[in-house]
Amino acid sequence: MTKLPAWTQPALFATLTTGFASFMVSGIATLRALGPGPGFLASWIGGWLWSWPVAAVAMYFIAPHVRRLLARVCA
């Protein structure tokens, strides 16, 4: 199997982690708002498809600042 170049790792990490996190959070928020029932799954996926790109773009911009902050406060 051919591996991707190492320089792609930060973007892939951000994309996958925000995908998973936004999937879980949107599911919980949708469940709390609508409750289980008809239309829950469609609403959840619809909300997730909107929230994932927003979360990913935010992560791309925020991650360098968070890394710098953590470099200052961690040994």
PDB file of N, CA and C in Angstrom:
ATOM      1  N   MET A   1       0.846  -1.181   0.000  1.00  0.00           N
ATOM      2  CA  MET A   1       0.000   0.000   0.000  1.00  0.00           C
ATOM      3  C   MET A   1       0.893   1.247   0.000  1.00  0.00           C
ATOM      4  N   THR A   2       0.575   2.174  -0.865  1.00  0.00           N
ATOM      5  CA  THR A   2       1.332   3.419  -0.958  1.00  0.00           C
ATOM      6  C   THR A   2       0.884   4.361   0.157  1.00  0.00           C
ATOM      7  N   LYS A   3       1.851   4.928   0.854  1.00  0.00           N
ATOM      8  CA  LYS A   3       1.536   5.857   1.935  1.00  0.00           C
ATOM      9  C   LYS A   3       1.488   7.278   1.407  1.00  0.00           C
ATOM     10  N   LEU A   4       0.718   8.090   2.085  1.00  0.00           N
ATOM     11  CA  LEU A   4       0.638   9.513   1.749  1.00  0.00           C
ATOM     12  C   LEU A   4       1.877  10.221   2.284  1.00  0.00           C
ATOM     13  N   PRO A   5       2.239  11.345   1.690  1.00  0.00           N
ATOM     14  CA  PRO A   5       3.395  12.087   2.185  1.00  0.00           C
ATOM     15  C   PRO A   5       3.158  12.590   3.617  1.00  0.00           C
ATOM     16  N   ALA A   6       4.235  12.704   4.374  1.00  0.00           N
ATOM     17  CA  ALA A   6       4.145  13.118   5.775  1.00  0.00           C
ATOM     18  C   ALA A   6       3.538  14.512   5.926  1.00  0.00           C
ATOM     19  N   TRP A   7       3.744  15.391   4.956  1.00  0.00           N
ATOM     20  CA  TRP A   7       3.235  16.756   5.072  1.00  0.00           C
ATOM     21  C   TRP A   7       1.709  16.817   5.073  1.00  0.00           C
ATOM     22  N   THR A   8       1.037  15.739   4.649  1.00  0.00           N
ATOM     23  CA  THR A   8      -0.426  15.720   4.643  1.00  0.00           C
ATOM     24  C   THR A   8      -1.020  15.372   6.011  1.00  0.00           C
ATOM     25  N   GLN A   9      -0.177  14.912   6.921  1.00  0.00           N
ATOM     26  CA  GLN A   9      -0.682  14.433   8.209  1.00  0.00           C
ATOM     27  C   GLN A   9      -1.457  15.480   9.007  1.00  0.00           C
ATOM     28  N   PRO A  10      -0.978  16.717   9.167  1.00  0.00           N
ATOM     29  CA  PRO A  10      -1.773  17.682   9.956  1.00  0.00           C
ATOM     30  C   PRO A  10      -3.172  17.932   9.378  1.00  0.00           C
ATOM     31  N   ALA A  11      -3.270  18.078   8.076  1.00  0.00           N
ATOM     32  CA  ALA A  11      -4.581  18.326   7.463  1.00  0.00           C
ATOM     33  C   ALA A  11      -5.491  17.110   7.592  1.00  0.00           C
ATOM     34  N   LEU A  12      -4.933  15.928   7.394  1.00  0.00           N
ATOM     35  CA  LEU A  12      -5.739  14.711   7.535  1.00  0.00           C
ATOM     36  C   LEU A  12      -6.162  14.499   8.976  1.00  0.00           C
ATOM     37  N   PHE A  13      -5.275  14.779   9.907  1.00  0.00           N
ATOM     38  CA  PHE A  13      -5.615  14.658  11.327  1.00  0.00           C
ATOM     39  C   PHE A  13      -6.768  15.591  11.674  1.00  0.00           C
ATOM     40  N   ALA A  14      -6.664  16.839  11.251  1.00  0.00           N
ATOM     41  CA  ALA A  14      -7.724  17.817  11.529  1.00  0.00           C
ATOM     42  C   ALA A  14      -9.041  17.394  10.886  1.00  0.00           C
ATOM     43  N   THR A  15      -8.983  16.920   9.658  1.00  0.00           N
ATOM     44  CA  THR A  15     -10.189  16.521   8.950  1.00  0.00           C
ATOM     45  C   THR A  15     -10.867  15.332   9.630  1.00  0.00           C
ATOM     46  N   LEU A  16     -10.093  14.332   9.981  1.00  0.00           N
ATOM     47  CA  LEU A  16     -10.679  13.134  10.591  1.00  0.00           C
ATOM     48  C   LEU A  16     -11.159  13.385  12.009  1.00  0.00           C
ATOM     49  N   THR A  17     -10.390  14.096  12.811  1.00  0.00           N
ATOM     50  CA  THR A  17     -10.822  14.333  14.196  1.00  0.00           C
ATOM     51  C   THR A  17     -12.043  15.255  14.249  1.00  0.00           C
ATOM     52  N   THR A  18     -12.074  16.281  13.412  1.00  0.00           N
ATOM     53  CA  THR A  18     -13.258  17.141  13.408  1.00  0.00           C
ATOM     54  C   THR A  18     -14.470  16.398  12.856  1.00  0.00           C
ATOM     55  N   GLY A  19     -14.242  15.503  11.913  1.00  0.00           N
ATOM     56  CA  GLY A  19     -15.345  14.696  11.394  1.00  0.00           C
ATOM     57  C   GLY A  19     -15.963  13.842  12.483  1.00  0.00           C
ATOM     58  N   PHE A  20     -15.116  13.164  13.249  1.00  0.00           N
ATOM     59  CA  PHE A  20     -15.621  12.311  14.322  1.00  0.00           C
ATOM     60  C   PHE A  20     -16.279  13.136  15.419  1.00  0.00           C
ATOM     61  N   ALA A  21     -15.608  14.202  15.860  1.00  0.00           N
ATOM     62  CA  ALA A  21     -16.145  15.017  16.946  1.00  0.00           C
ATOM     63  C   ALA A  21     -17.466  15.682  16.552  1.00  0.00           C
ATOM     64  N   SER A  22     -17.518  16.257  15.349  1.00  0.00           N
ATOM     65  CA  SER A  22     -18.755  16.911  14.925  1.00  0.00           C
ATOM     66  C   SER A  22     -19.880  15.894  14.724  1.00  0.00           C
ATOM     67  N   PHE A  23     -19.551  14.683  14.321  1.00  0.00           N
ATOM     68  CA  PHE A  23     -20.548  13.625  14.170  1.00  0.00           C
ATOM     69  C   PHE A  23     -21.188  13.307  15.527  1.00  0.00           C
ATOM     70  N   MET A  24     -20.336  13.142  16.537  1.00  0.00           N
ATOM     71  CA  MET A  24     -20.840  12.814  17.869  1.00  0.00           C
ATOM     72  C   MET A  24     -21.629  13.984  18.479  1.00  0.00           C
ATOM     73  N   VAL A  25     -21.078  15.184  18.406  1.00  0.00           N
ATOM     74  CA  VAL A  25     -21.731  16.339  19.023  1.00  0.00           C
ATOM     75  C   VAL A  25     -23.050  16.661  18.326  1.00  0.00           C
ATOM     76  N   SER A  26     -23.062  16.611  16.996  1.00  0.00           N
ATOM     77  CA  SER A  26     -24.319  16.895  16.297  1.00  0.00           C
ATOM     78  C   SER A  26     -25.367  15.828  16.586  1.00  0.00           C
ATOM     79  N   GLY A  27     -24.928  14.592  16.769  1.00  0.00           N
ATOM     80  CA  GLY A  27     -25.866  13.524  17.127  1.00  0.00           C
ATOM     81  C   GLY A  27     -26.493  13.755  18.487  1.00  0.00           C
ATOM     82  N   ILE A  28     -25.671  14.122  19.463  1.00  0.00           N
ATOM     83  CA  ILE A  28     -26.186  14.391  20.807  1.00  0.00           C
ATOM     84  C   ILE A  28     -27.100  15.608  20.795  1.00  0.00           C
ATOM     85  N   ALA A  29     -26.693  16.669  20.109  1.00  0.00           N
ATOM     86  CA  ALA A  29     -27.514  17.880  20.055  1.00  0.00           C
ATOM     87  C   ALA A  29     -28.846  17.610  19.355  1.00  0.00           C
ATOM     88  N   THR A  30     -28.819  16.844  18.280  1.00  0.00           N
ATOM     89  CA  THR A  30     -30.053  16.517  17.560  1.00  0.00           C
ATOM     90  C   THR A  30     -30.958  15.647  18.419  1.00  0.00           C
ATOM     91  N   LEU A  31     -30.370  14.696  19.117  1.00  0.00           N
ATOM     92  CA  LEU A  31     -31.159  13.826  19.997  1.00  0.00           C
ATOM     93  C   LEU A  31     -31.817  14.640  21.106  1.00  0.00           C
ATOM     94  N   ARG A  32     -31.074  15.567  21.688  1.00  0.00           N
ATOM     95  CA  ARG A  32     -31.635  16.405  22.752  1.00  0.00           C
ATOM     96  C   ARG A  32     -32.726  17.327  22.207  1.00  0.00           C
ATOM     97  N   ALA A  33     -32.539  17.825  21.003  1.00  0.00           N
ATOM     98  CA  ALA A  33     -33.513  18.769  20.442  1.00  0.00           C
ATOM     99  C   ALA A  33     -34.777  18.077  19.944  1.00  0.00           C
ATOM    100  N   LEU A  34     -34.614  16.937  19.264  1.00  0.00           N
ATOM    101  CA  LEU A  34     -35.760  16.287  18.628  1.00  0.00           C
ATOM    102  C   LEU A  34     -36.240  15.040  19.348  1.00  0.00           C
ATOM    103  N   GLY A  35     -35.337  14.419  20.091  1.00  0.00           N
ATOM    104  CA  GLY A  35     -35.662  13.132  20.684  1.00  0.00           C
ATOM    105  C   GLY A  35     -35.604  12.044  19.622  1.00  0.00           C
ATOM    106  N   PRO A  36     -35.574  10.793  20.077  1.00  0.00           N
ATOM    107  CA  PRO A  36     -35.561   9.700  19.102  1.00  0.00           C
ATOM    108  C   PRO A  36     -36.932   9.597  18.429  1.00  0.00           C
ATOM    109  N   GLY A  37     -36.921   9.369  17.168  1.00  0.00           N
ATOM    110  CA  GLY A  37     -38.202   9.241  16.471  1.00  0.00           C
ATOM    111  C   GLY A  37     -38.023   9.443  14.988  1.00  0.00           C
ATOM    112  N   PRO A  38     -39.124   9.550  14.284  1.00  0.00           N
ATOM    113  CA  PRO A  38     -39.052   9.734  12.842  1.00  0.00           C
ATOM    114  C   PRO A  38     -38.312  11.017  12.485  1.00  0.00           C
ATOM    115  N   GLY A  39     -37.456  10.917  11.540  1.00  0.00           N
ATOM    116  CA  GLY A  39     -36.715  12.072  11.073  1.00  0.00           C
ATOM    117  C   GLY A  39     -35.439  12.356  11.838  1.00  0.00           C
ATOM    118  N   PHE A  40     -35.205  11.621  12.945  1.00  0.00           N
ATOM    119  CA  PHE A  40     -33.999  11.879  13.741  1.00  0.00           C
ATOM    120  C   PHE A  40     -32.732  11.671  12.930  1.00  0.00           C
ATOM    121  N   LEU A  41     -32.610  10.535  12.287  1.00  0.00           N
ATOM    122  CA  LEU A  41     -31.378  10.207  11.556  1.00  0.00           C
ATOM    123  C   LEU A  41     -31.119  11.203  10.421  1.00  0.00           C
ATOM    124  N   ALA A  42     -32.147  11.546   9.677  1.00  0.00           N
ATOM    125  CA  ALA A  42     -31.982  12.505   8.575  1.00  0.00           C
ATOM    126  C   ALA A  42     -31.570  13.873   9.100  1.00  0.00           C
ATOM    127  N   SER A  43     -32.155  14.300  10.217  1.00  0.00           N
ATOM    128  CA  SER A  43     -31.790  15.591  10.802  1.00  0.00           C
ATOM    129  C   SER A  43     -30.360  15.563  11.323  1.00  0.00           C
ATOM    130  N   TRP A  44     -29.971  14.454  11.947  1.00  0.00           N
ATOM    131  CA  TRP A  44     -28.621  14.311  12.479  1.00  0.00           C
ATOM    132  C   TRP A  44     -27.596  14.421  11.352  1.00  0.00           C
ATOM    133  N   ILE A  45     -27.787  13.637  10.307  1.00  0.00           N
ATOM    134  CA  ILE A  45     -26.832  13.637   9.194  1.00  0.00           C
ATOM    135  C   ILE A  45     -26.823  15.002   8.504  1.00  0.00           C
ATOM    136  N   GLY A  46     -27.986  15.602   8.356  1.00  0.00           N
ATOM    137  CA  GLY A  46     -28.047  16.932   7.753  1.00  0.00           C
ATOM    138  C   GLY A  46     -27.289  17.968   8.563  1.00  0.00           C
ATOM    139  N   GLY A  47     -27.453  17.925   9.877  1.00  0.00           N
ATOM    140  CA  GLY A  47     -26.717  18.836  10.749  1.00  0.00           C
ATOM    141  C   GLY A  47     -25.222  18.576  10.718  1.00  0.00           C
ATOM    142  N   TRP A  48     -24.858  17.302  10.699  1.00  0.00           N
ATOM    143  CA  TRP A  48     -23.446  16.937  10.672  1.00  0.00           C
ATOM    144  C   TRP A  48     -22.775  17.389   9.375  1.00  0.00           C
ATOM    145  N   LEU A  49     -23.453  17.237   8.254  1.00  0.00           N
ATOM    146  CA  LEU A  49     -22.866  17.639   6.974  1.00  0.00           C
ATOM    147  C   LEU A  49     -22.612  19.138   6.903  1.00  0.00           C
ATOM    148  N   TRP A  50     -23.368  19.928   7.669  1.00  0.00           N
ATOM    149  CA  TRP A  50     -23.116  21.375   7.742  1.00  0.00           C
ATOM    150  C   TRP A  50     -22.031  21.690   8.761  1.00  0.00           C
ATOM    151  N   SER A  51     -22.019  20.962   9.866  1.00  0.00           N
ATOM    152  CA  SER A  51     -21.083  21.306  10.946  1.00  0.00           C
ATOM    153  C   SER A  51     -19.666  20.821  10.699  1.00  0.00           C
ATOM    154  N   TRP A  52     -19.489  19.726   9.991  1.00  0.00           N
ATOM    155  CA  TRP A  52     -18.143  19.201   9.774  1.00  0.00           C
ATOM    156  C   TRP A  52     -17.250  20.179   9.016  1.00  0.00           C
ATOM    157  N   PRO A  53     -17.673  20.725   7.889  1.00  0.00           N
ATOM    158  CA  PRO A  53     -16.792  21.683   7.206  1.00  0.00           C
ATOM    159  C   PRO A  53     -16.470  22.910   8.062  1.00  0.00           C
ATOM    160  N   VAL A  54     -17.438  23.372   8.834  1.00  0.00           N
ATOM    161  CA  VAL A  54     -17.181  24.532   9.700  1.00  0.00           C
ATOM    162  C   VAL A  54     -16.129  24.171  10.745  1.00  0.00           C
ATOM    163  N   ALA A  55     -16.276  23.008  11.363  1.00  0.00           N
ATOM    164  CA  ALA A  55     -15.316  22.567  12.372  1.00  0.00           C
ATOM    165  C   ALA A  55     -13.927  22.359  11.763  1.00  0.00           C
ATOM    166  N   ALA A  56     -13.861  21.786  10.566  1.00  0.00           N
ATOM    167  CA  ALA A  56     -12.572  21.529   9.932  1.00  0.00           C
ATOM    168  C   ALA A  56     -11.856  22.831   9.591  1.00  0.00           C
ATOM    169  N   VAL A  57     -12.558  23.774   9.016  1.00  0.00           N
ATOM    170  CA  VAL A  57     -11.940  25.061   8.674  1.00  0.00           C
ATOM    171  C   VAL A  57     -11.478  25.774   9.945  1.00  0.00           C
ATOM    172  N   ALA A  58     -12.311  25.751  10.982  1.00  0.00           N
ATOM    173  CA  ALA A  58     -11.915  26.373  12.251  1.00  0.00           C
ATOM    174  C   ALA A  58     -10.648  25.718  12.793  1.00  0.00           C
ATOM    175  N   MET A  59     -10.562  24.405  12.711  1.00  0.00           N
ATOM    176  CA  MET A  59      -9.378  23.688  13.208  1.00  0.00           C
ATOM    177  C   MET A  59      -8.133  24.082  12.426  1.00  0.00           C
ATOM    178  N   TYR A  60      -8.232  24.224  11.118  1.00  0.00           N
ATOM    179  CA  TYR A  60      -7.066  24.590  10.313  1.00  0.00           C
ATOM    180  C   TYR A  60      -6.506  25.946  10.739  1.00  0.00           C
ATOM    181  N   PHE A  61      -7.400  26.868  11.120  1.00  0.00           N
ATOM    182  CA  PHE A  61      -6.953  28.199  11.525  1.00  0.00           C
ATOM    183  C   PHE A  61      -6.532  28.263  12.991  1.00  0.00           C
ATOM    184  N   ILE A  62      -7.178  27.494  13.841  1.00  0.00           N
ATOM    185  CA  ILE A  62      -6.919  27.544  15.277  1.00  0.00           C
ATOM    186  C   ILE A  62      -5.721  26.683  15.678  1.00  0.00           C
ATOM    187  N   ALA A  63      -5.498  25.567  15.009  1.00  0.00           N
ATOM    188  CA  ALA A  63      -4.465  24.611  15.415  1.00  0.00           C
ATOM    189  C   ALA A  63      -3.078  25.230  15.591  1.00  0.00           C
ATOM    190  N   PRO A  64      -2.586  26.062  14.677  1.00  0.00           N
ATOM    191  CA  PRO A  64      -1.245  26.633  14.890  1.00  0.00           C
ATOM    192  C   PRO A  64      -1.156  27.478  16.158  1.00  0.00           C
ATOM    193  N   HIS A  65      -2.214  28.211  16.475  1.00  0.00           N
ATOM    194  CA  HIS A  65      -2.233  29.040  17.677  1.00  0.00           C
ATOM    195  C   HIS A  65      -2.252  28.166  18.938  1.00  0.00           C
ATOM    196  N   VAL A  66      -3.025  27.099  18.888  1.00  0.00           N
ATOM    197  CA  VAL A  66      -3.088  26.182  20.024  1.00  0.00           C
ATOM    198  C   VAL A  66      -1.733  25.501  20.221  1.00  0.00           C
ATOM    199  N   ARG A  67      -1.088  25.104  19.137  1.00  0.00           N
ATOM    200  CA  ARG A  67       0.242  24.483  19.256  1.00  0.00           C
ATOM    201  C   ARG A  67       1.241  25.437  19.904  1.00  0.00           C
ATOM    202  N   ARG A  68       1.235  26.703  19.503  1.00  0.00           N
ATOM    203  CA  ARG A  68       2.140  27.696  20.099  1.00  0.00           C
ATOM    204  C   ARG A  68       1.834  27.891  21.586  1.00  0.00           C
ATOM    205  N   LEU A  69       0.568  27.978  21.919  1.00  0.00           N
ATOM    206  CA  LEU A  69       0.187  28.137  23.315  1.00  0.00           C
ATOM    207  C   LEU A  69       0.645  26.938  24.142  1.00  0.00           C
ATOM    208  N   LEU A  70       0.428  25.754  23.619  1.00  0.00           N
ATOM    209  CA  LEU A  70       0.823  24.556  24.357  1.00  0.00           C
ATOM    210  C   LEU A  70       2.338  24.439  24.468  1.00  0.00           C
ATOM    211  N   ALA A  71       3.067  24.913  23.482  1.00  0.00           N
ATOM    212  CA  ALA A  71       4.528  24.899  23.564  1.00  0.00           C
ATOM    213  C   ALA A  71       5.011  25.780  24.709  1.00  0.00           C
ATOM    214  N   ARG A  72       4.268  26.848  25.011  1.00  0.00           N
ATOM    215  CA  ARG A  72       4.633  27.748  26.105  1.00  0.00           C
ATOM    216  C   ARG A  72       4.319  27.158  27.480  1.00  0.00           C
ATOM    217  N   VAL A  73       3.226  26.400  27.571  1.00  0.00           N
ATOM    218  CA  VAL A  73       2.780  25.947  28.887  1.00  0.00           C
ATOM    219  C   VAL A  73       3.163  24.511  29.218  1.00  0.00           C
ATOM    220  N   CYS A  74       3.681  23.779  28.250  1.00  0.00           N
ATOM    221  CA  CYS A  74       4.077  22.392  28.485  1.00  0.00           C
ATOM    222  C   CYS A  74       5.591  22.254  28.452  1.00  0.00           C
ATOM    223  N   ALA A  75       6.094  21.338  29.269  1.00  0.00           N
ATOM    224  CA  ALA A  75       7.544  21.115  29.324  1.00  0.00           C
ATOM    225  C   ALA A  75       8.034  20.411  28.070  1.00  0.00           C
TER     226      ALA A  75
END
